[in-house]
Protein backbone atom coordinates (compact mmCIF):
# COMPACT_ATOMS: atom_id res chain seq x y z
CA MET A 1 102.01 246.62 77.59
CA GLU A 2 104.10 244.06 75.72
CA LYS A 3 104.78 246.47 72.89
CA SER A 4 106.39 249.00 75.20
CA GLY A 5 108.51 246.20 76.68
CA ARG A 6 109.79 245.26 73.24
CA ASN A 7 110.50 248.88 72.43
CA THR A 8 112.47 249.21 75.65
CA VAL A 9 114.55 246.14 74.82
CA ALA A 10 115.12 247.37 71.27
CA ALA A 11 116.14 250.81 72.52
CA ARG A 12 118.57 249.25 75.01
CA ASN A 13 120.09 247.07 72.27
CA ILE A 14 120.54 250.09 70.00
CA LYS A 15 122.13 252.02 72.86
CA LEU A 16 124.48 249.10 73.59
CA GLN A 17 125.48 248.93 69.93
CA LYS A 18 126.23 252.65 69.91
CA ASN A 19 128.36 252.28 73.07
CA THR A 20 130.49 249.55 71.51
CA ARG A 21 131.19 251.52 68.34
CA SER A 22 134.17 253.28 69.83
CA THR A 23 136.43 252.78 66.83
CA ASN A 24 136.13 252.98 63.08
CA ALA A 25 137.86 249.65 62.71
CA PRO A 26 136.53 246.98 60.40
CA PRO A 27 133.89 244.88 62.21
CA THR A 28 136.12 241.82 62.48
CA ARG A 29 138.69 243.62 64.57
CA ARG A 30 136.20 245.55 66.67
CA TYR A 31 133.96 242.57 67.36
CA SER A 32 136.77 240.13 68.11
CA GLY A 33 137.47 241.89 71.39
CA ARG A 34 133.79 242.52 72.04
CA ALA A 35 132.90 238.84 71.61
CA ILE A 36 135.36 237.85 74.32
CA ALA A 37 134.16 240.57 76.71
CA VAL A 38 130.46 239.77 76.21
CA THR A 39 131.05 236.17 77.28
CA TRP A 40 132.99 237.35 80.38
CA ARG A 41 136.22 235.67 79.32
CA PRO A 42 139.56 237.11 80.52
CA ILE A 43 141.43 239.77 78.55
CA TRP A 44 144.42 237.54 77.79
CA GLN A 45 142.23 235.56 75.40
CA VAL A 46 141.98 238.69 73.24
CA ALA A 47 145.73 238.41 72.62
CA ILE A 48 145.50 234.79 71.51
CA TYR A 49 142.60 235.36 69.13
CA THR A 50 144.03 238.53 67.64
CA LEU A 51 147.42 236.94 67.02
CA VAL A 52 145.61 234.29 64.97
CA LEU A 53 143.63 237.05 63.29
CA GLY A 54 146.94 238.76 62.44
CA ALA A 55 148.04 235.62 60.59
CA VAL A 56 144.75 235.56 58.68
CA VAL A 57 145.18 239.23 57.73
CA ARG A 58 148.73 238.45 56.54
CA PHE A 59 147.34 235.64 54.37
CA PHE A 60 144.72 237.96 52.88
CA HIS A 61 147.42 240.52 52.10
CA MET A 62 149.38 237.82 50.30
CA ALA A 63 146.38 236.38 48.44
CA LEU A 64 144.73 239.65 47.41
CA PHE A 65 147.61 242.09 47.03
CA GLY A 66 150.64 239.90 46.35
CA GLY A 67 152.32 240.69 49.68
CA THR A 68 154.81 238.43 51.42
CA LEU A 69 153.26 235.72 53.58
CA LEU A 70 156.20 234.76 55.79
CA SER A 71 157.52 238.13 56.90
CA ALA A 72 158.00 238.63 60.63
CA HIS A 73 158.01 242.41 60.28
CA TYR A 74 154.71 242.64 58.39
CA TYR A 75 153.09 240.01 60.62
CA ALA A 76 154.12 242.02 63.69
CA VAL A 77 152.57 245.18 62.25
CA ASP A 78 149.33 243.39 61.33
CA ALA A 79 149.18 241.63 64.70
CA LEU A 80 149.79 244.86 66.64
CA VAL A 81 147.01 246.64 64.75
CA CYS A 82 144.67 243.72 65.44
CA LEU A 83 145.72 243.68 69.11
CA ALA A 84 145.09 247.40 69.49
CA PHE A 85 141.59 247.21 68.03
CA GLY A 86 140.85 243.96 69.88
CA PHE A 87 141.79 245.43 73.26
CA ALA A 88 139.87 248.64 72.51
CA GLY A 89 136.77 246.63 71.59
CA PHE A 90 137.17 244.49 74.71
CA GLN A 91 137.45 247.52 76.99
CA ALA A 92 134.48 249.29 75.38
CA ALA A 93 132.28 246.20 75.70
CA ARG A 94 133.43 245.47 79.27
CA MET A 95 132.72 249.09 80.28
CA ALA A 96 129.22 248.83 78.81
CA GLN A 97 128.69 245.54 80.67
CA MET A 98 129.91 246.81 84.01
CA THR A 99 127.91 250.04 83.91
CA ARG A 100 124.76 248.30 82.63
CA GLN A 101 124.76 245.23 84.87
CA TYR A 102 126.16 246.92 87.96
CA GLY A 103 124.65 250.37 87.44
CA TRP A 104 123.92 250.72 91.15
CA LEU A 105 127.63 250.27 91.89
CA MET A 106 129.60 251.41 88.82
CA GLU A 107 129.60 254.52 86.63
CA ARG A 108 131.34 255.51 83.40
CA HIS A 109 134.68 257.21 83.77
CA GLY A 110 135.75 258.05 80.23
CA PRO A 111 135.11 256.27 76.95
CA VAL A 112 136.43 252.84 77.99
CA ARG A 113 136.81 253.04 81.78
CA TRP A 114 134.50 252.65 84.75
CA ARG A 115 134.77 253.28 88.47
CA ARG A 116 132.81 252.77 91.66
CA LYS A 117 130.13 255.31 92.34
CA THR A 118 130.93 257.60 95.18
CA PRO A 119 128.25 257.71 97.90
């Protein structure tokens, strides 16, 4: 009996992981939004964390590839890419949460949206 319970939990975890793999982004960008959604924090925190992540990406570009560190244009591009993947990861994880935890009330409505079930 316990073995089937573990298999069910493992299958649910694998299914959850597949649901959150909505992008082909590097794990850091994809999981930064997911980490905020899983802990039920508000979406505006994604912006704060990904703006910091954009600065880190800019530093890596400078350190590894000889890019410019203090360039507003390149920082804006890096930050916007991080924001896009962060928000996408947040929405995918929040959709999985809402449909899993409130399955009796919510249903999937597209890849990153949910809606109330109609009676």
